């Protein structure tokens, strides 16, 4: 591990996800630590991570000023929030069927589903 700064657990798939701030990457492994893999690399100081396994989505902060969403395997990256200041943690929840709230320290965004 290279300075993990946040961790998430997918108990159903039995996976652990984490971001490494110094290594600049998003990682995952089995719960026992086996089968570690790099999902995203080349990031600048990622800090927070959140997952929505039921929607195959992973969210993480990058460079403490943006949040990126990918599939759980790291594919299909999309910047969801950018130009913010000091995003250090990320949380995602679904308050009602038509929307999803993305909470980051310093920012709250409600995304409408299409």
Protein backbone atom coordinates (compact mmCIF):
# COMPACT_ATOMS: atom_id res chain seq x y z
CA UNK A 1 0.00 0.00 0.00
CA UNK A 2 1.16 3.49 -0.85
CA UNK A 3 -0.47 5.84 1.71
CA UNK A 4 -4.15 4.85 1.43
CA UNK A 5 -6.31 7.84 2.31
CA UNK A 6 -9.83 6.33 2.18
CA UNK A 7 -11.44 2.91 1.92
CA UNK A 8 -14.83 1.44 0.93
CA UNK A 9 -16.22 -2.06 1.34
CA UNK A 10 -18.49 -3.97 -1.05
CA UNK A 11 -19.68 -6.76 1.23
CA UNK A 12 -21.83 -8.45 -1.44
CA UNK A 13 -19.00 -8.76 -4.00
CA UNK A 14 -16.49 -9.23 -1.15
CA UNK A 15 -14.19 -6.45 -2.43
CA UNK A 16 -12.29 -3.61 -0.76
CA UNK A 17 -11.74 -0.35 -2.69
CA UNK A 18 -9.24 2.34 -1.68
CA UNK A 19 -7.46 5.44 -2.95
CA UNK A 20 -3.73 5.95 -2.53
CA UNK A 21 -2.93 9.64 -2.22
CA UNK A 22 0.83 9.36 -2.78
CA UNK A 23 0.61 6.68 -5.48
CA UNK A 24 -2.15 8.58 -7.28
CA UNK A 25 -4.35 5.59 -7.92
CA UNK A 26 -7.60 3.77 -7.12
CA UNK A 27 -7.21 0.14 -6.12
CA UNK A 28 -9.32 -2.88 -5.18
CA UNK A 29 -8.77 -6.38 -3.86
CA UNK A 30 -10.65 -9.29 -2.38
CA UNK A 31 -11.53 -8.97 1.31
CA UNK A 32 -8.55 -11.16 2.23
CA UNK A 33 -6.16 -8.81 0.36
CA UNK A 34 -5.62 -11.19 -2.54
CA UNK A 35 -6.07 -10.25 -6.21
CA UNK A 36 -5.12 -6.60 -5.77
CA UNK A 37 -5.56 -4.55 -8.93
CA UNK A 38 -5.13 -0.95 -10.04
CA UNK A 39 -8.39 0.49 -11.41
CA UNK A 40 -7.30 4.07 -12.13
CA UNK A 41 -3.80 5.57 -12.09
CA UNK A 42 -2.10 8.86 -12.85
CA UNK A 43 -4.23 10.83 -10.37
CA UNK A 44 -3.07 13.81 -8.32
CA UNK A 45 -3.55 13.21 -4.61
CA UNK A 46 -6.90 11.34 -4.55
CA UNK A 47 -8.45 11.62 -1.08
CA UNK A 48 -12.01 10.28 -0.83
CA UNK A 49 -13.83 7.29 -2.31
CA UNK A 50 -17.44 6.08 -2.36
CA UNK A 51 -19.17 3.22 -4.17
CA UNK A 52 -22.68 2.40 -5.34
CA UNK A 53 -22.30 -1.31 -6.09
CA UNK A 54 -25.97 -1.71 -7.06
CA UNK A 55 -25.35 0.83 -9.86
CA UNK A 56 -21.81 -0.35 -10.74
CA UNK A 57 -20.44 3.11 -9.84
CA UNK A 58 -17.32 4.32 -8.09
CA UNK A 59 -16.70 7.97 -7.10
CA UNK A 60 -13.41 9.48 -5.96
CA UNK A 61 -11.82 12.89 -5.50
CA UNK A 62 -8.84 13.95 -7.57
CA UNK A 63 -6.44 16.81 -6.84
CA UNK A 64 -8.83 17.86 -4.04
CA UNK A 65 -10.80 19.95 -6.56
CA UNK A 66 -12.84 17.43 -8.56
CA UNK A 67 -14.86 14.23 -8.27
CA UNK A 68 -14.68 11.52 -10.90
CA UNK A 69 -17.17 8.69 -11.47
CA UNK A 70 -16.18 5.38 -13.07
CA UNK A 71 -17.59 1.88 -13.34
CA UNK A 72 -16.49 -0.41 -10.50
CA UNK A 73 -13.76 -1.78 -12.78
CA UNK A 74 -12.38 1.75 -13.39
CA UNK A 75 -13.84 2.06 -16.88
CA UNK A 76 -15.88 4.96 -18.33
CA UNK A 77 -14.39 7.83 -16.28
CA UNK A 78 -16.52 10.99 -16.11
CA UNK A 79 -15.78 14.18 -14.17
CA UNK A 80 -18.88 14.90 -12.09
CA UNK A 81 -17.67 17.97 -10.18
CA UNK A 82 -14.70 20.19 -11.00
CA UNK A 83 -13.31 23.54 -9.95
CA UNK A 84 -14.18 23.05 -6.28
CA UNK A 85 -11.76 23.71 -3.47
CA UNK A 86 -10.62 21.27 -0.82
CA UNK A 87 -12.63 18.09 -1.51
CA UNK A 88 -11.23 15.52 0.88
CA UNK A 89 -14.06 13.03 1.33
CA UNK A 90 -16.88 11.70 -0.84
CA UNK A 91 -20.21 10.07 0.07
CA UNK A 92 -23.04 8.98 -2.21
CA UNK A 93 -26.62 8.10 -1.34
CA UNK A 94 -29.93 7.75 -3.16
CA UNK A 95 -32.66 9.69 -1.28
CA UNK A 96 -35.43 8.92 -3.79
CA UNK A 97 -35.70 6.98 -7.05
CA UNK A 98 -35.32 9.94 -9.43
CA UNK A 99 -32.18 11.48 -7.94
CA UNK A 100 -28.83 10.73 -6.39
CA UNK A 101 -26.98 12.95 -3.94
CA UNK A 102 -23.23 13.22 -4.06
CA UNK A 103 -21.80 14.71 -0.89
CA UNK A 104 -18.27 15.98 -0.75
CA UNK A 105 -16.68 18.04 1.97
CA UNK A 106 -17.34 21.55 0.68
CA UNK A 107 -19.90 20.60 -1.99
CA UNK A 108 -23.31 18.94 -2.29
CA UNK A 109 -24.64 18.07 -5.71
CA UNK A 110 -27.95 16.38 -6.54
CA UNK A 111 -27.86 14.56 -9.83
CA UNK A 112 -31.07 13.73 -11.68
CA UNK A 113 -31.17 10.31 -13.25
CA UNK A 114 -31.89 10.12 -16.93
